[in-house]
Amino acid sequence: MYLLLAMLAITDLVLSTSTVPKMLGFFWLDSREIGFHACLAQMFFSHAFSTVESDILMVMALDNYIAICYPLRHSSIHSIPMTKTIGSLMLT
């Protein structure tokens, strides 16, 4: 569970850092333009990491389901190597 929370925190951090610098430049420095490549990169990172965030929330829901339905076998079904495998599959 803590590994999933760490993955969710990192994803939230990357998601916020993909949009906040341009917003700060827009509001504080009165920079009203964005280049095409910067816009494309910002759109890619925001959409990709919002998808990863929803995948992490789905895995957390699956973890809770396993913990409720199979409480005695939870640690053998959802082990740390299994969590790492699922986490690496979400990024592909």
C-alpha atoms as a PDB file:
ATOM      1  CA  MET A   1       0.000   0.000   0.000  1.00  0.00           C
ATOM      2  CA  TYR A   2       2.832   2.417   0.811  1.00  0.00           C
ATOM      3  CA  LEU A   3       4.491   1.700  -2.506  1.00  0.00           C
ATOM      4  CA  LEU A   4       1.272   2.577  -4.314  1.00  0.00           C
ATOM      5  CA  LEU A   5       0.936   5.785  -2.313  1.00  0.00           C
ATOM      6  CA  ALA A   6       4.521   6.709  -3.212  1.00  0.00           C
ATOM      7  CA  MET A   7       3.790   6.085  -6.884  1.00  0.00           C
ATOM      8  CA  LEU A   8       0.653   8.237  -6.642  1.00  0.00           C
ATOM      9  CA  ALA A   9       2.601  11.056  -4.966  1.00  0.00           C
ATOM     10  CA  ILE A  10       5.302  11.021  -7.643  1.00  0.00           C
ATOM     11  CA  THR A  11       2.682  11.028 -10.381  1.00  0.00           C
ATOM     12  CA  ASP A  12       0.894  13.980  -8.781  1.00  0.00           C
ATOM     13  CA  LEU A  13       4.199  15.829  -8.513  1.00  0.00           C
ATOM     14  CA  VAL A  14       5.044  15.300 -12.180  1.00  0.00           C
ATOM     15  CA  LEU A  15       1.505  16.188 -13.229  1.00  0.00           C
ATOM     16  CA  SER A  16       1.592  19.488 -11.382  1.00  0.00           C
ATOM     17  CA  THR A  17       5.094  20.413 -12.562  1.00  0.00           C
ATOM     18  CA  SER A  18       4.060  19.939 -16.176  1.00  0.00           C
ATOM     19  CA  THR A  19       1.538  22.799 -16.043  1.00  0.00           C
ATOM     20  CA  VAL A  20       2.391  25.095 -13.124  1.00  0.00           C
ATOM     21  CA  PRO A  21       5.529  26.819 -14.552  1.00  0.00           C
ATOM     22  CA  LYS A  22       3.685  28.029 -17.634  1.00  0.00           C
ATOM     23  CA  MET A  23       0.710  29.164 -15.538  1.00  0.00           C
ATOM     24  CA  LEU A  24       3.025  31.143 -13.257  1.00  0.00           C
ATOM     25  CA  GLY A  25       4.632  32.756 -16.276  1.00  0.00           C
ATOM     26  CA  PHE A  26       1.190  33.575 -17.614  1.00  0.00           C
ATOM     27  CA  PHE A  27      -0.071  35.210 -14.426  1.00  0.00           C
ATOM     28  CA  TRP A  28       3.094  36.755 -12.927  1.00  0.00           C
ATOM     29  CA  LEU A  29       5.327  37.602 -15.865  1.00  0.00           C
ATOM     30  CA  ASP A  30       2.565  38.472 -18.352  1.00  0.00           C
ATOM     31  CA  SER A  31       3.890  35.916 -20.845  1.00  0.00           C
ATOM     32  CA  ARG A  32       0.835  35.394 -23.069  1.00  0.00           C
ATOM     33  CA  GLU A  33       2.321  33.115 -25.723  1.00  0.00           C
ATOM     34  CA  ILE A  34       3.402  29.507 -25.768  1.00  0.00           C
ATOM     35  CA  GLY A  35       5.379  27.823 -28.497  1.00  0.00           C
ATOM     36  CA  PHE A  36       3.960  24.923 -30.442  1.00  0.00           C
ATOM     37  CA  HIS A  37       6.518  22.414 -29.176  1.00  0.00           C
ATOM     38  CA  ALA A  38       6.103  23.582 -25.567  1.00  0.00           C
ATOM     39  CA  CYS A  39       2.333  23.273 -25.893  1.00  0.00           C
ATOM     40  CA  LEU A  40       2.674  19.807 -27.384  1.00  0.00           C
ATOM     41  CA  ALA A  41       5.017  18.690 -24.600  1.00  0.00           C
ATOM     42  CA  GLN A  42       2.749  20.131 -21.917  1.00  0.00           C
ATOM     43  CA  MET A  43      -0.298  18.398 -23.411  1.00  0.00           C
ATOM     44  CA  PHE A  44       1.577  15.097 -23.660  1.00  0.00           C
ATOM     45  CA  PHE A  45       2.762  15.141 -20.054  1.00  0.00           C
ATOM     46  CA  SER A  46      -0.568  16.232 -18.633  1.00  0.00           C
ATOM     47  CA  HIS A  47      -2.526  13.576 -20.533  1.00  0.00           C
ATOM     48  CA  ALA A  48       0.015  10.790 -20.026  1.00  0.00           C
ATOM     49  CA  PHE A  49       0.381  11.289 -16.293  1.00  0.00           C
ATOM     50  CA  SER A  50      -3.339  11.760 -15.711  1.00  0.00           C
ATOM     51  CA  THR A  51      -3.767   8.339 -17.348  1.00  0.00           C
ATOM     52  CA  VAL A  52      -1.042   6.889 -15.119  1.00  0.00           C
ATOM     53  CA  GLU A  53      -2.741   8.438 -12.086  1.00  0.00           C
ATOM     54  CA  SER A  54      -6.050   6.785 -12.934  1.00  0.00           C
ATOM     55  CA  ASP A  55      -4.214   3.474 -13.423  1.00  0.00           C
ATOM     56  CA  ILE A  56      -2.634   3.784  -9.982  1.00  0.00           C
ATOM     57  CA  LEU A  57      -6.025   4.492  -8.432  1.00  0.00           C
ATOM     58  CA  MET A  58      -7.396   1.391 -10.191  1.00  0.00           C
ATOM     59  CA  VAL A  59      -4.567  -0.754  -8.780  1.00  0.00           C
ATOM     60  CA  MET A  60      -5.214   0.684  -5.313  1.00  0.00           C
ATOM     61  CA  ALA A  61      -8.881  -0.290  -5.658  1.00  0.00           C
ATOM     62  CA  LEU A  62      -7.819  -3.793  -6.708  1.00  0.00           C
ATOM     63  CA  ASP A  63      -5.516  -3.983  -3.689  1.00  0.00           C
ATOM     64  CA  ASN A  64      -8.393  -3.041  -1.387  1.00  0.00           C
ATOM     65  CA  TYR A  65     -10.646  -5.609  -3.062  1.00  0.00           C
ATOM     66  CA  ILE A  66      -8.068  -8.342  -2.498  1.00  0.00           C
ATOM     67  CA  ALA A  67      -7.601  -7.223   1.119  1.00  0.00           C
ATOM     68  CA  ILE A  68     -11.352  -7.419   1.776  1.00  0.00           C
ATOM     69  CA  CYS A  69     -12.202 -10.610  -0.112  1.00  0.00           C
ATOM     70  CA  TYR A  70      -9.044 -12.615   0.633  1.00  0.00           C
ATOM     71  CA  PRO A  71      -7.613 -11.197   3.879  1.00  0.00           C
ATOM     72  CA  LEU A  72      -5.458 -14.201   4.776  1.00  0.00           C
ATOM     73  CA  ARG A  73      -3.882 -14.497   1.337  1.00  0.00           C
ATOM     74  CA  HIS A  74      -3.462 -10.759   0.688  1.00  0.00           C
ATOM     75  CA  SER A  75       0.279 -10.660   1.323  1.00  0.00           C
ATOM     76  CA  SER A  76       0.915 -13.650  -0.936  1.00  0.00           C
ATOM     77  CA  ILE A  77      -1.318 -12.410  -3.773  1.00  0.00           C
ATOM     78  CA  HIS A  78      -0.295  -8.769  -3.728  1.00  0.00           C
ATOM     79  CA  SER A  79       3.395  -8.877  -2.832  1.00  0.00           C
ATOM     80  CA  ILE A  80       6.036  -6.196  -3.377  1.00  0.00           C
ATOM     81  CA  PRO A  81       7.420  -7.775  -6.604  1.00  0.00           C
ATOM     82  CA  MET A  82       3.857  -7.988  -7.931  1.00  0.00           C
ATOM     83  CA  THR A  83       3.294  -4.302  -7.094  1.00  0.00           C
ATOM     84  CA  LYS A  84       6.527  -3.359  -8.878  1.00  0.00           C
ATOM     85  CA  THR A  85       5.495  -5.403 -11.915  1.00  0.00           C
ATOM     86  CA  ILE A  86       2.074  -3.761 -12.059  1.00  0.00           C
ATOM     87  CA  GLY A  87       3.699  -0.339 -11.600  1.00  0.00           C
ATOM     88  CA  SER A  88       6.081  -0.919 -14.490  1.00  0.00           C
ATOM     89  CA  LEU A  89       3.235  -2.136 -16.694  1.00  0.00           C
ATOM     90  CA  MET A  90       1.324   1.091 -16.063  1.00  0.00           C
ATOM     91  CA  LEU A  91       4.150   3.151 -17.558  1.00  0.00           C
ATOM     92  CA  THR A  92       4.168   1.253 -20.849  1.00  0.00           C
END
